[in-house]
PDB file of N, CA and C in Angstrom:
ATOM      1  N   ARG A   1     137.582  35.923 121.108  1.00  0.00           N
ATOM      2  CA  ARG A   1     138.654  35.180 120.476  1.00  0.00           C
ATOM      3  C   ARG A   1     138.112  34.547 119.217  1.00  0.00           C
ATOM      4  N   ASP A   2     138.832  34.663 118.140  1.00  0.00           N
ATOM      5  CA  ASP A   2     138.420  34.109 116.852  1.00  0.00           C
ATOM      6  C   ASP A   2     137.020  34.559 116.464  1.00  0.00           C
ATOM      7  N   GLY A   3     136.679  35.800 116.805  1.00  0.00           N
ATOM      8  CA  GLY A   3     135.377  36.350 116.452  1.00  0.00           C
ATOM      9  C   GLY A   3     134.268  36.036 117.429  1.00  0.00           C
ATOM     10  N   ASP A   4     134.555  35.233 118.447  1.00  0.00           N
ATOM     11  CA  ASP A   4     133.549  34.891 119.453  1.00  0.00           C
ATOM     12  C   ASP A   4     133.697  35.795 120.668  1.00  0.00           C
ATOM     13  N   ALA A   5     132.556  36.193 121.229  1.00  0.00           N
ATOM     14  CA  ALA A   5     132.571  36.992 122.447  1.00  0.00           C
ATOM     15  C   ALA A   5     132.979  36.110 123.622  1.00  0.00           C
ATOM     16  N   LEU A   6     133.755  36.675 124.524  1.00  0.00           N
ATOM     17  CA  LEU A   6     134.199  35.968 125.715  1.00  0.00           C
ATOM     18  C   LEU A   6     133.799  36.764 126.941  1.00  0.00           C
ATOM     19  N   HIS A   7     133.625  36.070 128.033  1.00  0.00           N
ATOM     20  CA  HIS A   7     133.359  36.748 129.295  1.00  0.00           C
ATOM     21  C   HIS A   7     134.606  36.720 130.153  1.00  0.00           C
ATOM     22  N   LEU A   8     135.084  37.905 130.516  1.00  0.00           N
ATOM     23  CA  LEU A   8     136.170  38.020 131.478  1.00  0.00           C
ATOM     24  C   LEU A   8     135.582  38.561 132.772  1.00  0.00           C
ATOM     25  N   THR A   9     136.046  38.037 133.887  1.00  0.00           N
ATOM     26  CA  THR A   9     135.619  38.572 135.173  1.00  0.00           C
ATOM     27  C   THR A   9     136.220  39.977 135.320  1.00  0.00           C
ATOM     28  N   PRO A  10     135.700  40.779 136.247  1.00  0.00           N
ATOM     29  CA  PRO A  10     136.304  42.111 136.454  1.00  0.00           C
ATOM     30  C   PRO A  10     137.797  42.052 136.778  1.00  0.00           C
ATOM     31  N   ILE A  11     138.215  41.078 137.568  1.00  0.00           N
ATOM     32  CA  ILE A  11     139.645  40.930 137.891  1.00  0.00           C
ATOM     33  C   ILE A  11     140.434  40.603 136.631  1.00  0.00           C
ATOM     34  N   GLU A  12     139.960  39.641 135.856  1.00  0.00           N
ATOM     35  CA  GLU A  12     140.643  39.266 134.611  1.00  0.00           C
ATOM     36  C   GLU A  12     140.741  40.466 133.684  1.00  0.00           C
ATOM     37  N   TRP A  13     139.658  41.222 133.571  1.00  0.00           N
ATOM     38  CA  TRP A  13     139.647  42.390 132.685  1.00  0.00           C
ATOM     39  C   TRP A  13     140.693  43.406 133.137  1.00  0.00           C
ATOM     40  N   ARG A  14     140.776  43.672 134.451  1.00  0.00           N
ATOM     41  CA  ARG A  14     141.758  44.647 134.941  1.00  0.00           C
ATOM     42  C   ARG A  14     143.183  44.189 134.656  1.00  0.00           C
ATOM     43  N   LEU A  15     143.449  42.913 134.819  1.00  0.00           N
ATOM     44  CA  LEU A  15     144.786  42.393 134.517  1.00  0.00           C
ATOM     45  C   LEU A  15     145.113  42.557 133.033  1.00  0.00           C
ATOM     46  N   VAL A  16     144.178  42.172 132.177  1.00  0.00           N
ATOM     47  CA  VAL A  16     144.396  42.298 130.728  1.00  0.00           C
ATOM     48  C   VAL A  16     144.579  43.765 130.352  1.00  0.00           C
ATOM     49  N   GLU A  17     143.767  44.626 130.933  1.00  0.00           N
ATOM     50  CA  GLU A  17     143.851  46.049 130.617  1.00  0.00           C
ATOM     51  C   GLU A  17     145.219  46.630 130.980  1.00  0.00           C
ATOM     52  N   VAL A  18     145.697  46.328 132.172  1.00  0.00           N
ATOM     53  CA  VAL A  18     147.009  46.847 132.597  1.00  0.00           C
ATOM     54  C   VAL A  18     148.106  46.313 131.686  1.00  0.00           C
ATOM     55  N   LEU A  19     148.076  45.023 131.405  1.00  0.00           N
ATOM     56  CA  LEU A  19     149.114  44.438 130.557  1.00  0.00           C
ATOM     57  C   LEU A  19     149.044  45.003 129.134  1.00  0.00           C
ATOM     58  N   ALA A  20     147.844  45.176 128.601  1.00  0.00           N
ATOM     59  CA  ALA A  20     147.700  45.713 127.240  1.00  0.00           C
ATOM     60  C   ALA A  20     148.160  47.168 127.162  1.00  0.00           C
ATOM     61  N   ARG A  21     147.895  47.933 128.207  1.00  0.00           N
ATOM     62  CA  ARG A  21     148.340  49.337 128.217  1.00  0.00           C
ATOM     63  C   ARG A  21     149.867  49.439 128.233  1.00  0.00           C
ATOM     64  N   HIS A  22     150.516  48.414 128.705  1.00  0.00           N
ATOM     65  CA  HIS A  22     151.980  48.386 128.766  1.00  0.00           C
ATOM     66  C   HIS A  22     152.538  47.323 127.814  1.00  0.00           C
ATOM     67  N   ALA A  23     151.892  47.151 126.698  1.00  0.00           N
ATOM     68  CA  ALA A  23     152.259  46.102 125.738  1.00  0.00           C
ATOM     69  C   ALA A  23     153.758  46.121 125.441  1.00  0.00           C
ATOM     70  N   GLY A  24     154.331  44.917 125.509  1.00  0.00           N
ATOM     71  CA  GLY A  24     155.752  44.751 125.222  1.00  0.00           C
ATOM     72  C   GLY A  24     156.660  45.032 126.399  1.00  0.00           C
ATOM     73  N   ARG A  25     156.108  45.604 127.469  1.00  0.00           N
ATOM     74  CA  ARG A  25     156.926  45.945 128.636  1.00  0.00           C
ATOM     75  C   ARG A  25     156.555  45.047 129.810  1.00  0.00           C
ATOM     76  N   LEU A  26     157.523  44.760 130.620  1.00  0.00           N
ATOM     77  CA  LEU A  26     157.309  43.966 131.818  1.00  0.00           C
ATOM     78  C   LEU A  26     156.510  44.780 132.823  1.00  0.00           C
ATOM     79  N   VAL A  27     155.461  44.165 133.380  1.00  0.00           N
ATOM     80  CA  VAL A  27     154.717  44.765 134.482  1.00  0.00           C
ATOM     81  C   VAL A  27     154.979  43.878 135.694  1.00  0.00           C
ATOM     82  N   THR A  28     155.561  44.450 136.720  1.00  0.00           N
ATOM     83  CA  THR A  28     155.911  43.657 137.887  1.00  0.00           C
ATOM     84  C   THR A  28     154.667  43.274 138.687  1.00  0.00           C
ATOM     85  N   GLN A  29     154.851  42.337 139.581  1.00  0.00           N
ATOM     86  CA  GLN A  29     153.731  41.744 140.309  1.00  0.00           C
ATOM     87  C   GLN A  29     152.975  42.752 141.163  1.00  0.00           C
ATOM     88  N   ARG A  30     153.648  43.576 141.910  1.00  0.00           N
ATOM     89  CA  ARG A  30     152.982  44.516 142.813  1.00  0.00           C
ATOM     90  C   ARG A  30     152.017  45.444 142.076  1.00  0.00           C
ATOM     91  N   PRO A  31     152.411  46.122 141.005  1.00  0.00           N
ATOM     92  CA  PRO A  31     151.458  46.983 140.302  1.00  0.00           C
ATOM     93  C   PRO A  31     150.255  46.211 139.735  1.00  0.00           C
ATOM     94  N   LEU A  32     150.498  44.998 139.281  1.00  0.00           N
ATOM     95  CA  LEU A  32     149.379  44.186 138.784  1.00  0.00           C
ATOM     96  C   LEU A  32     148.411  43.841 139.905  1.00  0.00           C
ATOM     97  N   LEU A  33     148.951  43.415 141.033  1.00  0.00           N
ATOM     98  CA  LEU A  33     148.102  43.096 142.180  1.00  0.00           C
ATOM     99  C   LEU A  33     147.298  44.314 142.620  1.00  0.00           C
ATOM    100  N   GLN A  34     147.939  45.451 142.694  1.00  0.00           N
ATOM    101  CA  GLN A  34     147.263  46.652 143.159  1.00  0.00           C
ATOM    102  C   GLN A  34     146.229  47.151 142.156  1.00  0.00           C
ATOM    103  N   ALA A  35     146.486  46.982 140.873  1.00  0.00           N
ATOM    104  CA  ALA A  35     145.502  47.387 139.864  1.00  0.00           C
ATOM    105  C   ALA A  35     144.257  46.507 139.918  1.00  0.00           C
ATOM    106  N   ALA A  36     144.448  45.232 140.198  1.00  0.00           N
ATOM    107  CA  ALA A  36     143.321  44.291 140.179  1.00  0.00           C
ATOM    108  C   ALA A  36     142.592  44.214 141.512  1.00  0.00           C
ATOM    109  N   TRP A  37     143.327  44.270 142.630  1.00  0.00           N
ATOM    110  CA  TRP A  37     142.717  44.036 143.941  1.00  0.00           C
ATOM    111  C   TRP A  37     142.759  45.233 144.865  1.00  0.00           C
ATOM    112  N   GLY A  38     143.565  46.242 144.562  1.00  0.00           N
ATOM    113  CA  GLY A  38     143.624  47.426 145.397  1.00  0.00           C
ATOM    114  C   GLY A  38     144.969  47.626 146.061  1.00  0.00           C
ATOM    115  N   PRO A  39     145.157  48.802 146.673  1.00  0.00           N
ATOM    116  CA  PRO A  39     146.466  49.186 147.206  1.00  0.00           C
ATOM    117  C   PRO A  39     146.962  48.344 148.376  1.00  0.00           C
ATOM    118  N   ALA A  40     146.095  47.624 149.038  1.00  0.00           N
ATOM    119  CA  ALA A  40     146.523  46.804 150.182  1.00  0.00           C
ATOM    120  C   ALA A  40     147.222  45.521 149.748  1.00  0.00           C
ATOM    121  N   TYR A  41     147.211  45.227 148.450  1.00  0.00           N
ATOM    122  CA  TYR A  41     147.780  43.978 147.947  1.00  0.00           C
ATOM    123  C   TYR A  41     149.153  44.236 147.333  1.00  0.00           C
ATOM    124  N   GLY A  42     150.041  43.289 147.507  1.00  0.00           N
ATOM    125  CA  GLY A  42     151.359  43.447 146.925  1.00  0.00           C
ATOM    126  C   GLY A  42     152.209  42.200 146.985  1.00  0.00           C
ATOM    127  N   THR A  43     151.807  41.226 147.808  1.00  0.00           N
ATOM    128  CA  THR A  43     152.621  40.021 147.948  1.00  0.00           C
ATOM    129  C   THR A  43     151.857  38.749 147.595  1.00  0.00           C
ATOM    130  N   GLU A  44     150.608  38.864 147.230  1.00  0.00           N
ATOM    131  CA  GLU A  44     149.757  37.696 146.969  1.00  0.00           C
ATOM    132  C   GLU A  44     149.948  37.197 145.535  1.00  0.00           C
ATOM    133  N   THR A  45     151.167  36.801 145.213  1.00  0.00           N
ATOM    134  CA  THR A  45     151.495  36.441 143.833  1.00  0.00           C
ATOM    135  C   THR A  45     150.723  35.223 143.344  1.00  0.00           C
ATOM    136  N   ASN A  46     150.257  34.393 144.263  1.00  0.00           N
ATOM    137  CA  ASN A  46     149.459  33.236 143.836  1.00  0.00           C
ATOM    138  C   ASN A  46     148.155  33.689 143.184  1.00  0.00           C
ATOM    139  N   TYR A  47     147.619  34.842 143.579  1.00  0.00           N
ATOM    140  CA  TYR A  47     146.419  35.379 142.939  1.00  0.00           C
ATOM    141  C   TYR A  47     146.684  35.603 141.445  1.00  0.00           C
ATOM    142  N   LEU A  48     147.840  36.163 141.151  1.00  0.00           N
ATOM    143  CA  LEU A  48     148.187  36.430 139.754  1.00  0.00           C
ATOM    144  C   LEU A  48     148.302  35.136 138.953  1.00  0.00           C
ATOM    145  N   ARG A  49     148.956  34.149 139.525  1.00  0.00           N
ATOM    146  CA  ARG A  49     149.113  32.869 138.817  1.00  0.00           C
ATOM    147  C   ARG A  49     147.752  32.279 138.459  1.00  0.00           C
ATOM    148  N   VAL A  50     146.853  32.273 139.425  1.00  0.00           N
ATOM    149  CA  VAL A  50     145.528  31.685 139.206  1.00  0.00           C
ATOM    150  C   VAL A  50     144.767  32.457 138.134  1.00  0.00           C
ATOM    151  N   HIS A  51     144.714  33.768 138.259  1.00  0.00           N
ATOM    152  CA  HIS A  51     143.896  34.561 137.337  1.00  0.00           C
ATOM    153  C   HIS A  51     144.516  34.672 135.950  1.00  0.00           C
ATOM    154  N   LEU A  52     145.854  34.720 135.864  1.00  0.00           N
ATOM    155  CA  LEU A  52     146.472  34.724 134.534  1.00  0.00           C
ATOM    156  C   LEU A  52     146.295  33.376 133.849  1.00  0.00           C
ATOM    157  N   THR A  53     146.218  32.307 134.606  1.00  0.00           N
ATOM    158  CA  THR A  53     145.892  30.997 134.021  1.00  0.00           C
ATOM    159  C   THR A  53     144.511  31.039 133.401  1.00  0.00           C
ATOM    160  N   HIS A  54     143.553  31.648 134.084  1.00  0.00           N
ATOM    161  CA  HIS A  54     142.197  31.775 133.536  1.00  0.00           C
ATOM    162  C   HIS A  54     142.188  32.644 132.281  1.00  0.00           C
ATOM    163  N   VAL A  55     142.930  33.743 132.316  1.00  0.00           N
ATOM    164  CA  VAL A  55     143.022  34.620 131.141  1.00  0.00           C
ATOM    165  C   VAL A  55     143.595  33.854 129.959  1.00  0.00           C
ATOM    166  N   ARG A  56     144.651  33.108 130.202  1.00  0.00           N
ATOM    167  CA  ARG A  56     145.265  32.341 129.111  1.00  0.00           C
ATOM    168  C   ARG A  56     144.298  31.307 128.541  1.00  0.00           C
ATOM    169  N   ARG A  57     143.562  30.629 129.402  1.00  0.00           N
ATOM    170  CA  ARG A  57     142.590  29.639 128.918  1.00  0.00           C
ATOM    171  C   ARG A  57     141.547  30.279 128.022  1.00  0.00           C
ATOM    172  N   LYS A  58     141.200  31.507 128.306  1.00  0.00           N
ATOM    173  CA  LYS A  58     140.173  32.194 127.536  1.00  0.00           C
ATOM    174  C   LYS A  58     140.714  32.854 126.277  1.00  0.00           C
ATOM    175  N   LEU A  59     141.940  33.360 126.318  1.00  0.00           N
ATOM    176  CA  LEU A  59     142.428  34.202 125.226  1.00  0.00           C
ATOM    177  C   LEU A  59     143.566  33.629 124.391  1.00  0.00           C
ATOM    178  N   GLU A  60     144.321  32.722 124.934  1.00  0.00           N
ATOM    179  CA  GLU A  60     145.457  32.166 124.188  1.00  0.00           C
ATOM    180  C   GLU A  60     145.004  31.039 123.252  1.00  0.00           C
ATOM    181  N   PRO A  61     145.576  30.958 122.052  1.00  0.00           N
ATOM    182  CA  PRO A  61     145.267  29.825 121.166  1.00  0.00           C
ATOM    183  C   PRO A  61     145.675  28.485 121.795  1.00  0.00           C
ATOM    184  N   ASP A  62     146.819  28.448 122.448  1.00  0.00           N
ATOM    185  CA  ASP A  62     147.303  27.252 123.141  1.00  0.00           C
ATOM    186  C   ASP A  62     147.760  27.687 124.528  1.00  0.00           C
ATOM    187  N   PRO A  63     146.856  27.637 125.522  1.00  0.00           N
ATOM    188  CA  PRO A  63     147.190  28.149 126.856  1.00  0.00           C
ATOM    189  C   PRO A  63     148.427  27.511 127.489  1.00  0.00           C
ATOM    190  N   SER A  64     148.758  26.290 127.116  1.00  0.00           N
ATOM    191  CA  SER A  64     149.936  25.649 127.703  1.00  0.00           C
ATOM    192  C   SER A  64     151.241  26.205 127.119  1.00  0.00           C
ATOM    193  N   ARG A  65     151.136  26.899 125.986  1.00  0.00           N
ATOM    194  CA  ARG A  65     152.296  27.552 125.359  1.00  0.00           C
ATOM    195  C   ARG A  65     151.916  28.990 125.017  1.00  0.00           C
ATOM    196  N   PRO A  66     151.815  29.851 126.036  1.00  0.00           N
ATOM    197  CA  PRO A  66     151.332  31.214 125.798  1.00  0.00           C
ATOM    198  C   PRO A  66     152.227  31.991 124.851  1.00  0.00           C
ATOM    199  N   ARG A  67     151.572  32.777 124.006  1.00  0.00           N
ATOM    200  CA  ARG A  67     152.339  33.646 123.115  1.00  0.00           C
ATOM    201  C   ARG A  67     151.978  35.112 123.310  1.00  0.00           C
ATOM    202  N   TYR A  68     150.927  35.401 124.057  1.00  0.00           N
ATOM    203  CA  TYR A  68     150.513  36.778 124.316  1.00  0.00           C
ATOM    204  C   TYR A  68     150.776  37.209 125.759  1.00  0.00           C
ATOM    205  N   PHE A  69     150.422  36.376 126.709  1.00  0.00           N
ATOM    206  CA  PHE A  69     150.557  36.701 128.129  1.00  0.00           C
ATOM    207  C   PHE A  69     151.708  35.883 128.699  1.00  0.00           C
ATOM    208  N   LEU A  70     152.873  36.506 128.741  1.00  0.00           N
ATOM    209  CA  LEU A  70     154.099  35.806 129.099  1.00  0.00           C
ATOM    210  C   LEU A  70     154.479  36.057 130.550  1.00  0.00           C
ATOM    211  N   THR A  71     154.997  35.039 131.186  1.00  0.00           N
ATOM    212  CA  THR A  71     155.457  35.131 132.565  1.00  0.00           C
ATOM    213  C   THR A  71     156.946  35.393 132.590  1.00  0.00           C
ATOM    214  N   GLU A  72     157.346  36.353 133.409  1.00  0.00           N
ATOM    215  CA  GLU A  72     158.750  36.562 133.729  1.00  0.00           C
ATOM    216  C   GLU A  72     158.882  36.020 135.154  1.00  0.00           C
ATOM    217  N   PRO A  73     159.313  34.773 135.310  1.00  0.00           N
ATOM    218  CA  PRO A  73     159.275  34.093 136.610  1.00  0.00           C
ATOM    219  C   PRO A  73     159.857  34.928 137.757  1.00  0.00           C
ATOM    220  N   GLY A  74     159.062  35.033 138.812  1.00  0.00           N
ATOM    221  CA  GLY A  74     159.482  35.749 140.003  1.00  0.00           C
ATOM    222  C   GLY A  74     159.452  37.261 139.896  1.00  0.00           C
ATOM    223  N   VAL A  75     159.082  37.782 138.719  1.00  0.00           N
ATOM    224  CA  VAL A  75     159.138  39.229 138.514  1.00  0.00           C
ATOM    225  C   VAL A  75     157.771  39.798 138.136  1.00  0.00           C
ATOM    226  N   GLY A  76     157.154  39.266 137.075  1.00  0.00           N
ATOM    227  CA  GLY A  76     155.888  39.815 136.615  1.00  0.00           C
ATOM    228  C   GLY A  76     155.441  39.183 135.318  1.00  0.00           C
ATOM    229  N   TYR A  77     154.702  39.983 134.547  1.00  0.00           N
ATOM    230  CA  TYR A  77     154.097  39.486 133.315  1.00  0.00           C
ATOM    231  C   TYR A  77     154.261  40.521 132.219  1.00  0.00           C
ATOM    232  N   ARG A  78     154.140  40.034 131.000  1.00  0.00           N
ATOM    233  CA  ARG A  78     154.294  40.888 129.824  1.00  0.00           C
ATOM    234  C   ARG A  78     153.248  40.475 128.794  1.00  0.00           C
ATOM    235  N   PHE A  79     152.597  41.459 128.176  1.00  0.00           N
ATOM    236  CA  PHE A  79     151.700  41.197 127.057  1.00  0.00           C
ATOM    237  C   PHE A  79     152.469  41.491 125.788  1.00  0.00           C
ATOM    238  N   VAL A  80     152.466  40.550 124.870  1.00  0.00           N
ATOM    239  CA  VAL A  80     153.158  40.705 123.594  1.00  0.00           C
ATOM    240  C   VAL A  80     152.159  40.416 122.499  1.00  0.00           C
ATOM    241  N   ASN A  81     151.990  41.365 121.576  1.00  0.00           N
ATOM    242  CA  ASN A  81     151.108  41.052 120.442  1.00  0.00           C
ATOM    243  C   ASN A  81     151.939  40.526 119.286  1.00  0.00           C
ATOM    244  N   ASP A  82     151.277  39.980 118.284  1.00  0.00           N
ATOM    245  CA  ASP A  82     151.983  39.311 117.172  1.00  0.00           C
ATOM    246  C   ASP A  82     152.994  40.194 116.480  1.00  0.00           C
ATOM    247  N   THR A  83     152.733  41.489 116.401  1.00  0.00           N
ATOM    248  CA  THR A  83     153.650  42.351 115.656  1.00  0.00           C
ATOM    249  C   THR A  83     154.937  42.619 116.425  1.00  0.00           C
ATOM    250  N   GLU A  84     154.971  42.281 117.731  1.00  0.00           N
ATOM    251  CA  GLU A  84     156.187  42.512 118.517  1.00  0.00           C
ATOM    252  C   GLU A  84     157.087  41.306 118.569  1.00  0.00           C
ATOM    253  N   GLN A  85     156.632  40.162 118.126  1.00  0.00           N
ATOM    254  CA  GLN A  85     157.435  38.942 118.243  1.00  0.00           C
ATOM    255  C   GLN A  85     158.411  38.812 117.102  1.00  0.00           C
TER     256      GLN A  85
END
Protein backbone atom coordinates (compact mmCIF):
# COMPACT_ATOMS: atom_id res chain seq x y z
CA ARG A 1 0.00 0.00 0.00
CA ASP A 2 1.36 3.40 -0.95
CA GLY A 3 4.53 1.71 -2.20
CA ASP A 4 5.11 -0.23 1.01
CA ALA A 5 5.18 -4.02 1.11
CA LEU A 6 2.46 -5.60 3.23
CA HIS A 7 2.10 -9.06 4.68
CA LEU A 8 -1.18 -10.84 4.06
CA THR A 9 -1.87 -14.18 5.67
CA PRO A 10 -2.67 -17.06 3.28
CA ILE A 11 -6.38 -16.72 4.13
CA GLU A 12 -6.34 -12.96 3.52
CA TRP A 13 -4.50 -13.48 0.23
CA ARG A 14 -7.07 -16.05 -0.97
CA LEU A 15 -9.94 -13.71 -0.14
CA VAL A 16 -8.30 -10.78 -1.93
CA GLU A 17 -7.45 -12.98 -4.90
CA VAL A 18 -11.02 -14.25 -5.34
CA LEU A 19 -12.49 -10.77 -4.98
CA ALA A 20 -9.94 -9.23 -7.38
CA ARG A 21 -10.59 -11.93 -9.98
CA HIS A 22 -14.26 -10.96 -9.86
CA ALA A 23 -13.68 -7.21 -9.65
CA GLY A 24 -16.88 -5.21 -9.72
CA ARG A 25 -19.05 -8.29 -9.21
CA LEU A 26 -20.64 -9.56 -6.04
CA VAL A 27 -19.05 -12.71 -4.64
CA THR A 28 -21.41 -14.46 -2.27
CA GLN A 29 -20.34 -15.77 1.11
CA ARG A 30 -20.27 -19.51 0.35
CA PRO A 31 -17.79 -19.32 -2.58
CA LEU A 32 -15.55 -17.01 -0.56
CA LEU A 33 -15.59 -19.34 2.43
CA GLN A 34 -14.86 -22.35 0.26
CA ALA A 35 -12.03 -20.60 -1.60
CA ALA A 36 -10.34 -19.58 1.64
CA TRP A 37 -11.07 -22.52 3.96
CA GLY A 38 -12.14 -25.40 1.73
CA PRO A 39 -15.28 -27.16 0.51
CA ALA A 40 -16.53 -28.11 3.98
CA TYR A 41 -17.18 -24.44 4.79
CA GLY A 42 -20.23 -22.49 3.77
CA THR A 43 -22.03 -21.03 6.77
CA GLU A 44 -19.19 -19.60 8.89
CA THR A 45 -19.86 -16.01 7.83
CA ASN A 46 -18.21 -14.65 10.97
CA TYR A 47 -14.88 -15.89 9.54
CA LEU A 48 -15.38 -13.58 6.57
CA ARG A 49 -16.21 -10.58 8.74
CA VAL A 50 -13.07 -11.05 10.83
CA HIS A 51 -10.68 -11.62 7.94
CA LEU A 52 -12.13 -8.92 5.68
CA THR A 53 -11.71 -6.51 8.60
CA HIS A 54 -8.02 -7.44 8.66
CA VAL A 55 -7.76 -7.01 4.89
CA ARG A 56 -9.35 -3.58 5.11
CA ARG A 57 -6.99 -2.50 7.90
CA LYS A 58 -4.05 -3.46 5.72
CA LEU A 59 -5.23 -2.27 2.30
CA GLU A 60 -7.88 0.42 2.64
CA PRO A 61 -6.86 4.09 3.02
CA ASP A 62 -9.64 4.50 5.62
CA PRO A 63 -10.72 1.05 6.85
CA SER A 64 -13.78 2.47 8.62
CA ARG A 65 -15.05 3.77 5.25
CA PRO A 66 -14.00 1.09 2.74
CA ARG A 67 -13.85 2.03 -0.89
CA TYR A 68 -12.29 -1.14 -2.35
CA PHE A 69 -13.63 -4.07 -0.31
CA LEU A 70 -17.35 -3.49 0.01
CA THR A 71 -19.86 -5.50 2.02
CA GLU A 72 -23.22 -6.46 0.61
CA PRO A 73 -24.89 -7.17 3.98
CA GLY A 74 -26.10 -10.73 4.35
CA VAL A 75 -25.00 -11.65 0.83
CA GLY A 76 -21.26 -11.26 0.20
CA TYR A 77 -18.49 -8.91 -0.79
CA ARG A 78 -17.38 -6.93 -3.80
CA PHE A 79 -13.99 -5.55 -4.83
CA VAL A 80 -14.22 -2.21 -6.60
CA ASN A 81 -11.20 -0.42 -8.00
CA ASP A 82 -11.05 3.34 -8.51
CA THR A 83 -11.86 3.17 -12.20
CA GLU A 84 -15.19 1.44 -11.50
CA GLN A 85 -16.55 4.00 -9.05
